[in-house]
Amino acid sequence: MPSAADMDRYTQKAEQMAQQQMVLQDAQLARGEISQEMHAANIESIKAGIPRKAAELAWAKHELSESQKRALGIPTGDMAQQVDVPRSGGQNSFYRPFGQSQSHNTSPSSQ
């Protein structure tokens, strides 16, 4: 998960990307391609999308890191390590499941 410092970096990156989009909007306004109202609405939309874009950048980085770990066989939160759990009563085991008889004959006739 990204730290607060990471999120600050992602927010700055998202703001830089938004600034580029706002420059394009300013150029369209200057050329008369969009109205002042459309320009204001687009700028407001771009500014409102900065936190969402920062979160998208953070999750993309996180997913990239997780996929690299999975590719190397390193356990991750969504790909747990397979653990072989020992079973009682297995071959050569001292312990037997409840109700299972022992394999050797303990009847009095065999003594």
Protein backbone atom coordinates (compact mmCIF):
# COMPACT_ATOMS: atom_id res chain seq x y z
CA MET A 1 0.00 0.00 0.00
CA PRO A 2 1.25 3.47 -0.75
CA SER A 3 2.45 5.64 2.11
CA ALA A 4 1.41 9.25 2.67
CA ALA A 5 4.65 10.40 1.00
CA ASP A 6 3.87 8.18 -2.00
CA MET A 7 0.38 9.63 -2.24
CA ASP A 8 1.85 13.13 -2.17
CA ARG A 9 4.09 12.21 -5.12
CA TYR A 10 1.15 10.71 -7.01
CA THR A 11 -0.93 13.83 -6.31
CA GLN A 12 1.87 16.03 -7.64
CA LYS A 13 2.11 13.87 -10.76
CA ALA A 14 -1.67 14.06 -11.23
CA GLU A 15 -1.52 17.84 -10.82
CA GLN A 16 1.20 18.04 -13.49
CA MET A 17 -0.93 15.98 -15.85
CA ALA A 18 -3.95 18.18 -15.06
CA GLN A 19 -1.88 21.30 -15.72
CA GLN A 20 -1.07 19.99 -19.21
CA GLN A 21 -4.77 19.43 -19.86
CA MET A 22 -5.60 22.92 -18.59
CA VAL A 23 -3.02 24.45 -20.95
CA LEU A 24 -4.76 22.66 -23.83
CA GLN A 25 -8.11 24.03 -22.62
CA ASP A 26 -6.63 27.55 -22.46
CA ALA A 27 -5.35 27.19 -26.02
CA GLN A 28 -8.77 26.04 -27.24
CA LEU A 29 -10.37 29.03 -25.53
CA ALA A 30 -7.84 31.41 -27.09
CA ARG A 31 -8.55 29.98 -30.55
CA GLY A 32 -12.27 30.37 -29.98
CA GLU A 33 -12.92 26.61 -30.22
CA ILE A 34 -14.77 26.54 -26.89
CA SER A 35 -16.81 29.10 -24.97
CA GLN A 36 -15.80 30.66 -21.65
CA GLU A 37 -18.50 28.60 -19.89
CA MET A 38 -17.26 25.37 -21.50
CA HIS A 39 -13.69 26.30 -20.56
CA ALA A 40 -14.66 26.93 -16.94
CA ALA A 41 -16.60 23.65 -16.75
CA ASN A 42 -13.70 21.69 -18.28
CA ILE A 43 -11.14 23.27 -15.93
CA GLU A 44 -13.35 22.49 -12.93
CA SER A 45 -13.74 18.89 -14.11
CA ILE A 46 -9.99 18.52 -14.58
CA LYS A 47 -9.29 19.90 -11.08
CA ALA A 48 -11.94 17.66 -9.52
CA GLY A 49 -10.34 14.61 -11.17
CA ILE A 50 -6.90 15.14 -9.61
CA PRO A 51 -7.52 13.02 -6.45
CA ARG A 52 -9.05 10.21 -8.53
CA LYS A 53 -6.09 10.26 -10.91
CA ALA A 54 -3.64 10.19 -7.98
CA ALA A 55 -5.42 7.12 -6.58
CA GLU A 56 -5.33 5.45 -10.01
CA LEU A 57 -1.59 6.07 -10.24
CA ALA A 58 -1.06 4.62 -6.76
CA TRP A 59 -3.09 1.50 -7.49
CA ALA A 60 -1.37 1.00 -10.84
CA LYS A 61 2.03 1.12 -9.12
CA HIS A 62 0.81 -1.23 -6.39
CA GLU A 63 -0.59 -3.72 -8.92
CA LEU A 64 2.65 -3.62 -10.92
CA SER A 65 4.62 -4.40 -7.77
CA GLU A 66 2.24 -7.23 -6.84
CA SER A 67 2.33 -8.75 -10.32
CA GLN A 68 6.14 -8.73 -10.28
CA LYS A 69 6.09 -10.56 -6.95
CA ARG A 70 3.58 -13.10 -8.27
CA ALA A 71 5.75 -13.69 -11.34
CA LEU A 72 8.70 -14.46 -9.05
CA GLY A 73 6.58 -16.80 -6.92
CA ILE A 74 6.64 -14.50 -3.89
CA PRO A 75 3.42 -14.77 -1.85
CA THR A 76 1.14 -11.74 -2.02
CA GLY A 77 -2.16 -10.85 -0.40
CA ASP A 78 -4.15 -12.34 -3.27
CA MET A 79 -1.78 -15.25 -3.92
CA ALA A 80 -1.03 -17.00 -0.66
CA GLN A 81 1.75 -19.50 -0.27
CA GLN A 82 0.70 -23.13 -0.49
CA VAL A 83 1.39 -24.88 2.80
CA ASP A 84 1.37 -28.65 3.14
CA VAL A 85 -0.33 -29.41 6.42
CA PRO A 86 0.71 -32.69 8.03
CA ARG A 87 -2.09 -35.14 8.68
CA SER A 88 -2.50 -37.33 11.69
CA GLY A 89 -2.62 -41.02 10.98
CA GLY A 90 -0.42 -40.94 7.93
CA GLN A 91 1.92 -43.73 7.03
CA ASN A 92 4.46 -44.41 9.79
CA SER A 93 2.62 -42.04 12.11
CA PHE A 94 2.34 -42.70 15.81
CA TYR A 95 -1.01 -40.91 15.92
CA ARG A 96 -4.17 -42.44 14.51
CA PRO A 97 -7.49 -40.73 13.82
CA PHE A 98 -10.16 -41.45 16.40
CA GLY A 99 -11.80 -44.81 15.83
CA GLN A 100 -9.11 -46.21 13.53
CA SER A 101 -7.76 -49.52 14.70
CA GLN A 102 -4.08 -50.26 14.80
CA SER A 103 -2.63 -52.31 11.97
CA HIS A 104 -1.07 -54.99 14.17
CA ASN A 105 -3.12 -57.84 15.58
CA THR A 106 -3.64 -57.69 19.37
CA SER A 107 -5.98 -60.64 19.74
CA PRO A 108 -5.16 -63.16 22.49
CA SER A 109 -4.97 -66.05 20.00
CA SER A 110 -1.88 -64.60 18.32
CA GLN A 111 0.13 -64.51 21.55
